[in-house]
Amino acid sequence: MKFYSTKDKSLRVSLKEAVLTGMPSDHGLYMPETTPTLSPEFLKRVPDLSYHDLSFELARVFVDEEISDKKLKDLVRDAFPFDAPLVPVSDHIYALELFHGPTLAFKDFGARFMSRLMALFTQNFSKELKILVATSGDTGSAVASGFYNVPGIHVYVLYPAGKVSKIQEKQMATLGKNITALKVYGVFDDCQALVKKALADESLRKSYLISSANSINIARLIPQIFYYFYAWGQLDEKERQHCVVSVPSGNFGNLTAGLLAKRMGLPISRFVDAANMNDVVPEYLNTACFNPRPSVQTISSAMDVGNPSNFDRILDLYGHSHQAITRDIWGKGYTDEQTKYKIRETMEKTGYLCDPHGAVGLLGLEEYLAIEKKPATGIFLETAHPAKFKPIVEEVIGKEIPIPVRLTECLEKPLLSVPMENDYKAFVEVLRINNE
């Protein structure tokens, strides 16, 4: 399969080139040239497939002939040694728990698949590949963990100083070796702008092999498609008839993956774009006007994005038709107070503990189902373990929550982050120094 740029559909590249360059030179985003439509027979088999088998079959249609079946099966098994269980929360409402990977966040799925794909593609390279990633929280820790000690690759994680949780910072900034964590004095959008500028810098590309590890990289997006099929397959036959999925959304890679799954034939009735107060996409859904703006800080920090990159992919997927987009997506933004209330209420009524992002997803799901007034099964994505937001969650529920062993280990390690001004020249200098 070939991949084209959202800014120039005549620009077609292989998966290898799309993955290793990260972003086209015209500043667009790569999309698959065709969205494969899966047969009804395949959908009938989905409930009986293991996560590994399902992931292999779905990956096969995108990877095509570039990787052998054996190597792809090995890659999938190595990337996903954890599950994505669908957990009942209340009547016909389920949480798809995506936090059972090593960094306890959904981004482990994309980061681990991508790191292993890049390792295959670069195994015969003579030059080191530099991976650039901007993070508002969980992306950085997932990418750092996924690429840690991968030979021939050096990762640079840019995160906004003081705007990620202590646990998130420890997860991405205590590893060292081939992981360099850059603490940028700015907001997430500043970090993302630095990465985008570097990826589009032709003079920089002549000096170094560089790529991205944000959800702008197609290798992050493809594996996120898999767990939508897996979640649907865990429902019983009746529940699958009318299913609504709510996605807590920041940079919109996760929702884009869900929409691609639907385009491939997964029968999801509607998607909910559940946002915090960085609600530029819900605003677009309601007004047809897309107005990016500086992000504001919230307790659901991984969603603090004022100009989501992957929205261009959604526009491309639907031919820039607002009418077509709103047929498939309903959206709304929620305040921190509403988020806190939902964490507390859900814990008291059901015993299920949401993290702030999952709580936003549940808020959106419940409001949409109340408006629709038709019997439906609801799934919301629980994207991070509540312990990653321990101070906030404990304050809300009024009691201590245990920290998984994986988190306590990293909390004891010293920070190795490098402070950096929000300055492109300073960023390039870091890349140069690390190349010597």
Protein backbone atom coordinates (compact mmCIF):
# COMPACT_ATOMS: atom_id res chain seq x y z
CA MET A 1 0.00 0.00 0.00
CA LYS A 2 1.09 3.56 -0.73
CA PHE A 3 0.51 6.62 1.43
CA TYR A 4 -0.26 10.15 0.21
CA SER A 5 0.06 13.62 1.72
CA THR A 6 -3.11 15.36 2.87
CA LYS A 7 -1.79 18.44 1.04
CA ASP A 8 -0.90 16.69 -2.22
CA LYS A 9 -2.56 13.40 -3.14
CA SER A 10 -0.18 12.95 -6.06
CA LEU A 11 2.68 12.55 -3.57
CA ARG A 12 2.76 8.77 -2.92
CA VAL A 13 5.32 6.92 -0.81
CA SER A 14 5.84 3.44 0.65
CA LEU A 15 5.03 2.65 4.28
CA LYS A 16 8.77 2.57 5.01
CA GLU A 17 9.26 6.11 3.69
CA ALA A 18 6.10 7.38 5.42
CA VAL A 19 7.23 5.94 8.76
CA LEU A 20 10.85 7.05 8.56
CA THR A 21 10.18 10.58 7.33
CA GLY A 22 7.22 11.02 9.69
CA MET A 23 5.80 13.92 7.75
CA PRO A 24 5.79 14.88 4.04
CA SER A 25 7.98 17.77 2.93
CA ASP A 26 4.84 19.82 2.12
CA HIS A 27 3.87 19.77 5.85
CA GLY A 28 0.86 17.55 5.22
CA LEU A 29 0.16 14.24 6.96
CA TYR A 30 0.36 10.77 5.46
CA MET A 31 -2.86 8.84 4.82
CA PRO A 32 -3.37 5.38 3.26
CA GLU A 33 -4.16 5.68 -0.46
CA THR A 34 -7.12 3.34 0.03
CA THR A 35 -9.07 2.38 3.11
CA PRO A 36 -9.47 -1.38 2.80
CA THR A 37 -13.03 -2.59 3.29
CA LEU A 38 -13.14 -5.75 5.36
CA SER A 39 -15.56 -8.52 4.46
CA PRO A 40 -18.61 -9.51 6.53
CA GLU A 41 -16.89 -12.88 6.97
CA PHE A 42 -13.93 -11.16 8.65
CA LEU A 43 -16.24 -9.27 11.03
CA LYS A 44 -17.91 -12.56 11.99
CA ARG A 45 -14.49 -13.90 13.00
CA VAL A 46 -13.47 -10.86 15.08
CA PRO A 47 -15.03 -12.04 18.40
CA ASP A 48 -13.05 -15.29 18.20
CA LEU A 49 -9.65 -13.77 17.40
CA SER A 50 -6.94 -13.12 19.99
CA TYR A 51 -5.53 -9.60 20.17
CA HIS A 52 -2.35 -10.79 18.44
CA ASP A 53 -4.17 -12.56 15.61
CA LEU A 54 -6.57 -9.66 15.09
CA SER A 55 -3.72 -7.14 15.08
CA PHE A 56 -1.74 -9.21 12.58
CA GLU A 57 -4.64 -9.47 10.13
CA LEU A 58 -5.43 -5.75 10.35
CA ALA A 59 -1.77 -4.72 10.12
CA ARG A 60 -1.31 -6.96 7.08
CA VAL A 61 -3.59 -4.79 4.92
CA PHE A 62 -1.46 -1.68 5.61
CA VAL A 63 1.99 -3.26 5.71
CA ASP A 64 1.36 -5.16 2.47
CA GLU A 65 4.46 -6.83 0.99
CA GLU A 66 7.03 -4.67 2.81
CA ILE A 67 7.35 -7.10 5.75
CA SER A 68 7.00 -10.89 5.70
CA ASP A 69 4.17 -12.62 7.58
CA LYS A 70 6.61 -14.16 10.04
CA LYS A 71 8.31 -10.86 10.87
CA LEU A 72 4.95 -9.09 11.20
CA LYS A 73 3.59 -11.79 13.53
CA ASP A 74 6.73 -11.57 15.66
CA LEU A 75 6.47 -7.78 15.72
CA VAL A 76 2.85 -7.87 16.92
CA ARG A 77 3.58 -10.43 19.64
CA ASP A 78 6.55 -8.43 20.90
CA ALA A 79 4.71 -5.09 20.76
CA PHE A 80 1.57 -6.19 22.62
CA PRO A 81 2.34 -8.46 25.60
CA PHE A 82 -0.71 -6.95 27.38
CA ASP A 83 -4.48 -6.93 26.96
CA ALA A 84 -7.16 -4.30 26.26
CA PRO A 85 -10.10 -5.55 28.36
CA LEU A 86 -13.63 -4.21 28.03
CA VAL A 87 -14.85 -3.65 31.60
CA PRO A 88 -18.54 -3.15 32.50
CA VAL A 89 -19.16 0.09 34.41
CA SER A 90 -22.97 0.34 34.43
CA ASP A 91 -25.89 -0.93 32.35
CA HIS A 92 -24.68 -1.22 28.74
CA ILE A 93 -21.75 1.11 29.39
CA TYR A 94 -18.20 -0.23 29.22
CA ALA A 95 -14.70 1.12 29.72
CA LEU A 96 -12.14 -0.02 27.16
CA GLU A 97 -9.06 -0.14 29.39
CA LEU A 98 -6.02 0.82 27.35
CA PHE A 99 -3.64 1.30 30.28
CA HIS A 100 -2.27 -2.20 30.81
CA GLY A 101 1.00 -1.57 28.97
CA PRO A 102 4.36 -0.69 30.56
CA THR A 103 3.65 3.05 31.00
CA LEU A 104 -0.03 2.56 31.89
CA ALA A 105 -1.41 4.62 28.99
CA PHE A 106 -3.06 3.86 25.64
CA LYS A 107 -0.08 5.32 23.82
CA ASP A 108 1.90 2.16 24.62
CA PHE A 109 0.00 0.49 21.76
CA GLY A 110 1.16 2.99 19.15
CA ALA A 111 4.65 3.61 20.51
CA ARG A 112 5.63 -0.05 20.85
CA PHE A 113 4.33 -1.00 17.39
CA MET A 114 6.10 1.99 15.83
CA SER A 115 9.43 1.37 17.57
CA ARG A 116 9.57 -2.20 16.36
CA LEU A 117 8.52 -1.22 12.85
CA MET A 118 11.23 1.44 12.72
CA ALA A 119 13.81 -1.02 14.06
CA LEU A 120 12.99 -3.37 11.17
CA PHE A 121 13.18 -0.59 8.60
CA THR A 122 16.52 0.80 9.89
CA GLN A 123 18.40 -2.39 10.74
CA ASN A 124 20.84 -1.92 7.84
CA PHE A 125 21.31 1.86 8.19
CA SER A 126 24.78 3.28 8.83
CA LYS A 127 23.48 6.54 10.38
CA GLU A 128 21.54 6.92 13.62
CA LEU A 129 17.83 7.75 13.28
CA LYS A 130 16.72 10.69 15.43
CA ILE A 131 13.12 10.47 16.64
CA LEU A 132 11.50 13.78 17.62
CA VAL A 133 8.38 13.76 19.77
CA ALA A 134 6.34 16.48 21.46
CA THR A 135 4.20 15.44 24.42
CA SER A 136 1.54 16.85 26.69
CA GLY A 137 1.91 13.82 28.96
CA ASP A 138 1.56 10.16 28.08
CA THR A 139 3.04 10.20 24.57
CA GLY A 140 6.50 11.02 25.93
CA SER A 141 6.58 8.23 28.48
CA ALA A 142 5.17 5.67 26.03
CA VAL A 143 7.64 6.61 23.29
CA ALA A 144 10.57 6.72 25.72
CA SER A 145 9.68 3.27 27.04
CA GLY A 146 8.92 1.83 23.59
CA PHE A 147 12.24 2.98 22.08
CA TYR A 148 14.46 2.53 25.14
CA ASN A 149 17.62 0.62 24.15
CA VAL A 150 16.42 0.12 20.55
CA PRO A 151 19.70 0.06 18.59
CA GLY A 152 20.38 2.72 15.96
CA ILE A 153 17.68 5.09 17.22
CA HIS A 154 17.91 8.15 19.53
CA VAL A 155 14.71 9.74 20.86
CA TYR A 156 14.24 13.42 21.78
CA VAL A 157 11.13 14.01 23.91
CA LEU A 158 9.98 17.64 24.20
CA TYR A 159 7.56 18.38 27.04
CA PRO A 160 6.23 21.66 28.54
CA ALA A 161 7.89 22.53 31.86
CA GLY A 162 5.45 22.33 34.77
CA LYS A 163 2.56 21.12 32.62
CA VAL A 164 2.85 17.34 32.91
CA SER A 165 2.28 15.28 36.04
CA LYS A 166 5.20 14.29 38.27
CA ILE A 167 4.70 10.64 37.33
CA GLN A 168 4.61 11.40 33.59
CA GLU A 169 7.82 13.43 33.88
CA LYS A 170 9.56 10.66 35.81
CA GLN A 171 8.53 8.06 33.24
CA MET A 172 10.02 9.95 30.31
CA ALA A 173 12.95 11.76 31.92
CA THR A 174 14.70 9.11 34.02
CA LEU A 175 15.82 6.63 31.37
CA GLY A 176 18.89 8.24 29.78
CA LYS A 177 20.96 6.27 27.23
CA ASN A 178 19.22 6.74 23.86
CA ILE A 179 16.40 8.84 25.37
CA THR A 180 16.91 12.63 25.75
CA ALA A 181 14.10 14.47 27.57
CA LEU A 182 13.91 18.21 26.84
CA LYS A 183 11.99 20.34 29.36
CA VAL A 184 10.73 23.24 27.23
CA TYR A 185 9.69 26.54 28.81
CA GLY A 186 6.39 26.84 26.96
CA VAL A 187 3.16 24.91 26.32
CA PHE A 188 2.54 21.71 24.36
CA ASP A 189 1.75 23.62 21.17
CA ASP A 190 5.23 25.21 21.37
CA CYS A 191 6.82 21.75 21.66
CA GLN A 192 4.78 20.49 18.72
CA ALA A 193 5.72 23.54 16.63
CA LEU A 194 9.44 22.90 17.26
CA VAL A 195 9.09 19.28 16.15
CA LYS A 196 7.10 20.20 13.03
CA LYS A 197 9.64 22.87 12.07
CA ALA A 198 12.52 20.41 12.44
CA LEU A 199 10.76 17.75 10.37
CA ALA A 200 10.20 20.26 7.56
CA ASP A 201 13.74 21.71 7.73
CA GLU A 202 15.49 20.54 4.56
CA SER A 203 18.95 21.63 5.76
CA LEU A 204 18.48 19.62 8.96
CA ARG A 205 17.37 16.57 6.97
CA LYS A 206 20.57 16.76 4.93
CA SER A 207 22.62 16.47 8.13
CA TYR A 208 20.57 13.92 10.07
CA LEU A 209 18.08 11.11 9.62
CA ILE A 210 15.03 12.43 11.49
CA SER A 211 11.46 11.27 12.01
CA SER A 212 8.56 11.85 14.37
CA ALA A 213 6.92 9.68 16.99
CA ASN A 214 3.80 11.76 17.58
CA SER A 215 0.45 10.62 16.25
CA ILE A 216 1.33 12.55 13.09
CA ASN A 217 3.39 9.42 12.26
CA ILE A 218 1.26 6.87 10.45
CA ALA A 219 2.99 4.07 12.39
CA ARG A 220 1.34 5.38 15.57
CA LEU A 221 -2.06 5.58 13.95
CA ILE A 222 -2.29 2.10 12.39
CA PRO A 223 -2.06 0.05 15.65
CA GLN A 224 -4.69 2.24 17.30
CA ILE A 225 -7.20 0.88 14.78
CA PHE A 226 -6.77 -2.62 16.20
CA TYR A 227 -8.32 -2.09 19.63
CA TYR A 228 -11.57 -0.67 18.24
CA PHE A 229 -12.19 -3.99 16.49
CA TYR A 230 -11.11 -5.87 19.62
CA ALA A 231 -13.50 -3.86 21.84
CA TRP A 232 -16.43 -4.46 19.50
CA GLY A 233 -15.60 -8.16 19.43
CA GLN A 234 -15.85 -8.37 23.23
CA LEU A 235 -19.51 -7.29 23.20
CA ASP A 236 -22.27 -9.86 22.86
CA GLU A 237 -24.11 -10.12 19.56
CA LYS A 238 -27.07 -7.97 20.62
CA GLU A 239 -24.86 -5.21 22.04
CA ARG A 240 -22.94 -4.99 18.77
CA GLN A 241 -26.06 -3.93 16.87
CA HIS A 242 -25.98 -0.29 18.00
CA CYS A 243 -22.68 0.76 19.54
CA VAL A 244 -21.49 4.29 20.38
CA VAL A 245 -17.82 4.96 21.21
CA SER A 246 -16.64 8.01 23.17
CA VAL A 247 -13.04 9.09 22.68
CA PRO A 248 -11.30 11.56 25.03
CA SER A 249 -9.57 13.70 22.44
CA GLY A 250 -6.48 15.93 22.40
CA ASN A 251 -4.38 15.64 19.26
CA PHE A 252 -7.09 13.46 17.66
CA GLY A 253 -4.98 10.47 16.64
CA ASN A 254 -7.17 8.12 18.66
CA LEU A 255 -10.42 9.36 17.15
CA THR A 256 -8.90 9.32 13.65
CA ALA A 257 -8.00 5.65 14.16
CA GLY A 258 -11.57 4.90 15.23
CA LEU A 259 -12.96 6.64 12.15
CA LEU A 260 -10.59 4.63 9.95
CA ALA A 261 -11.85 1.45 11.65
CA LYS A 262 -15.42 2.50 10.84
CA ARG A 263 -14.44 3.23 7.24
CA MET A 264 -12.93 -0.27 7.06
CA GLY A 265 -16.32 -1.73 7.99
CA LEU A 266 -16.46 -1.76 11.80
CA PRO A 267 -20.15 -1.09 12.59
CA ILE A 268 -19.87 1.76 15.10
CA SER A 269 -23.04 3.86 14.99
CA ARG A 270 -21.52 7.12 16.22
CA PHE A 271 -18.36 8.51 17.76
CA VAL A 272 -18.28 11.07 20.55
CA ASP A 273 -15.47 13.61 20.59
CA ALA A 274 -15.16 14.19 24.34
CA ALA A 275 -12.97 17.23 24.98
CA ASN A 276 -11.91 19.35 27.92
CA MET A 277 -11.94 23.14 27.64
CA ASN A 278 -9.59 22.86 24.66
CA ASP A 279 -12.72 22.33 22.60
CA VAL A 280 -11.86 23.63 19.14
CA VAL A 281 -13.18 20.49 17.41
CA PRO A 282 -16.54 20.35 19.24
CA GLU A 283 -16.83 24.02 18.29
CA TYR A 284 -16.21 23.07 14.65
CA LEU A 285 -18.83 20.31 14.85
CA ASN A 286 -21.40 22.83 16.10
CA THR A 287 -20.49 25.80 13.89
CA ALA A 288 -18.51 24.47 10.88
CA CYS A 289 -15.75 26.93 11.85
CA PHE A 290 -12.33 25.62 12.90
CA ASN A 291 -10.53 28.21 15.03
CA PRO A 292 -7.28 26.94 16.60
CA ARG A 293 -6.18 28.84 19.68
CA PRO A 294 -3.57 28.61 22.43
CA SER A 295 -4.16 25.63 24.71
CA VAL A 296 -5.35 26.07 28.28
CA GLN A 297 -4.19 23.94 31.19
CA THR A 298 -6.65 21.40 32.63
CA ILE A 299 -6.55 18.34 34.89
CA SER A 300 -6.86 16.13 31.77
CA SER A 301 -3.48 17.38 30.60
CA ALA A 302 -2.90 14.95 27.72
CA MET A 303 -5.84 16.64 25.98
CA ASP A 304 -4.53 20.20 26.38
CA VAL A 305 -4.12 20.84 22.66
CA GLY A 306 -5.36 24.01 20.98
CA ASN A 307 -4.46 23.09 17.39
CA PRO A 308 -4.81 19.31 16.97
CA SER A 309 -2.63 18.00 14.14
CA ASN A 310 -4.72 14.96 13.28
CA PHE A 311 -7.82 17.02 12.59
CA ASP A 312 -6.39 17.47 9.07
CA ARG A 313 -6.62 13.70 8.66
CA ILE A 314 -10.29 13.73 9.68
CA LEU A 315 -11.02 16.53 7.20
CA ASP A 316 -9.21 14.56 4.49
CA LEU A 317 -11.05 11.34 5.32
CA TYR A 318 -14.41 13.09 4.88
CA GLY A 319 -13.47 15.28 1.91
CA HIS A 320 -13.70 18.40 4.10
CA SER A 321 -17.47 17.90 4.36
CA HIS A 322 -18.82 19.24 7.66
CA GLN A 323 -22.10 17.45 6.99
CA ALA A 324 -20.38 14.09 6.52
CA ILE A 325 -18.21 14.56 9.61
CA THR A 326 -21.14 15.44 11.87
CA ARG A 327 -23.03 12.36 10.69
CA ASP A 328 -20.34 10.26 12.36
CA ILE A 329 -19.14 12.49 15.22
CA TRP A 330 -20.89 14.37 18.02
CA GLY A 331 -18.72 16.42 20.36
CA LYS A 332 -18.64 18.60 23.45
CA GLY A 333 -16.12 20.10 25.86
CA TYR A 334 -16.24 19.74 29.66
CA THR A 335 -14.82 21.73 32.56
CA ASP A 336 -12.47 20.47 35.26
CA GLU A 337 -15.31 20.72 37.78
CA GLN A 338 -17.52 18.49 35.65
CA THR A 339 -14.64 16.05 35.25
CA LYS A 340 -14.02 15.89 39.00
CA TYR A 341 -17.72 15.39 39.68
CA LYS A 342 -17.86 12.50 37.19
CA ILE A 343 -14.83 10.78 38.79
CA ARG A 344 -16.45 11.03 42.22
CA GLU A 345 -19.96 10.09 41.09
CA THR A 346 -18.81 7.06 39.08
CA MET A 347 -16.71 5.79 41.98
CA GLU A 348 -19.58 6.19 44.46
CA LYS A 349 -22.27 4.67 42.23
CA THR A 350 -20.38 1.88 40.47
CA GLY A 351 -17.04 1.39 42.25
CA TYR A 352 -15.22 2.11 38.98
CA LEU A 353 -12.37 4.61 39.21
CA CYS A 354 -11.77 6.80 36.15
CA ASP A 355 -8.74 8.92 35.46
CA PRO A 356 -9.51 12.52 34.37
CA HIS A 357 -9.35 11.65 30.65
CA GLY A 358 -11.63 8.63 31.00
CA ALA A 359 -14.04 10.74 33.05
CA VAL A 360 -14.27 13.25 30.18
CA GLY A 361 -14.98 10.32 27.84
CA LEU A 362 -17.75 9.08 30.13
CA LEU A 363 -19.26 12.57 30.41
CA GLY A 364 -19.49 12.82 26.63
CA LEU A 365 -20.87 9.30 26.25
CA GLU A 366 -23.61 9.73 28.85
CA GLU A 367 -24.71 13.11 27.48
CA TYR A 368 -24.86 11.82 23.91
CA LEU A 369 -26.83 8.70 24.89
CA ALA A 370 -29.28 10.88 26.85
CA ILE A 371 -29.80 13.12 23.81
CA GLU A 372 -30.16 10.24 21.37
CA LYS A 373 -32.78 8.44 23.51
CA LYS A 374 -32.34 5.16 21.61
CA PRO A 375 -31.15 1.93 23.23
CA ALA A 376 -27.42 1.66 22.62
CA THR A 377 -24.27 0.12 23.97
CA GLY A 378 -21.74 2.72 25.03
CA ILE A 379 -17.96 2.34 25.18
CA PHE A 380 -15.64 5.03 26.50
CA LEU A 381 -11.88 4.81 26.18
CA GLU A 382 -10.07 4.72 29.52
CA THR A 383 -6.74 5.97 28.28
CA ALA A 384 -4.57 6.10 31.42
CA HIS A 385 -4.36 4.44 34.83
CA PRO A 386 -5.82 6.68 37.59
CA ALA A 387 -2.56 6.40 39.55
CA LYS A 388 -0.84 8.48 36.86
CA PHE A 389 -2.93 11.37 38.17
CA LYS A 390 -2.73 10.37 41.82
CA PRO A 391 -2.92 13.84 43.51
CA ILE A 392 -5.98 14.92 41.52
CA VAL A 393 -7.85 11.62 41.80
CA GLU A 394 -7.14 11.22 45.53
CA GLU A 395 -8.32 14.76 46.22
CA VAL A 396 -11.56 14.06 44.33
CA ILE A 397 -12.44 10.71 45.91
CA GLY A 398 -11.04 11.53 49.35
CA LYS A 399 -8.87 8.46 49.77
CA GLU A 400 -5.51 7.09 48.74
CA ILE A 401 -5.12 4.93 45.66
CA PRO A 402 -2.35 2.33 45.34
CA ILE A 403 0.48 2.94 42.87
CA PRO A 404 1.37 0.04 40.54
CA VAL A 405 4.91 -1.30 40.98
CA ARG A 406 5.88 -0.06 37.51
CA LEU A 407 5.27 3.51 38.64
CA THR A 408 6.94 3.28 42.06
CA GLU A 409 10.16 2.08 40.42
CA CYS A 410 10.47 5.14 38.16
CA LEU A 411 9.51 7.57 40.95
CA GLU A 412 12.69 6.65 42.82
CA LYS A 413 14.97 7.53 39.89
CA PRO A 414 16.60 10.99 39.40
CA LEU A 415 15.40 13.28 36.61
CA LEU A 416 17.77 13.48 33.63
CA SER A 417 15.85 16.13 31.67
CA VAL A 418 17.60 18.98 29.85
CA PRO A 419 16.02 22.46 30.32
CA MET A 420 15.49 24.33 27.04
CA GLU A 421 13.99 27.67 26.01
CA ASN A 422 11.21 27.67 23.43
CA ASP A 423 13.71 28.42 20.68
CA TYR A 424 14.34 26.53 17.43
CA LYS A 425 18.06 27.32 17.32
CA ALA A 426 18.47 25.91 20.84
CA PHE A 427 16.69 22.73 19.73
CA VAL A 428 18.94 22.29 16.69
CA GLU A 429 21.99 22.81 18.91
CA VAL A 430 20.87 19.94 21.18
CA LEU A 431 20.59 17.68 18.13
CA ARG A 432 24.04 18.75 16.97
CA ILE A 433 25.70 18.20 20.37
CA ASN A 434 24.19 14.73 20.68
CA ASN A 435 25.50 13.85 17.23
CA GLU A 436 29.14 14.51 18.16
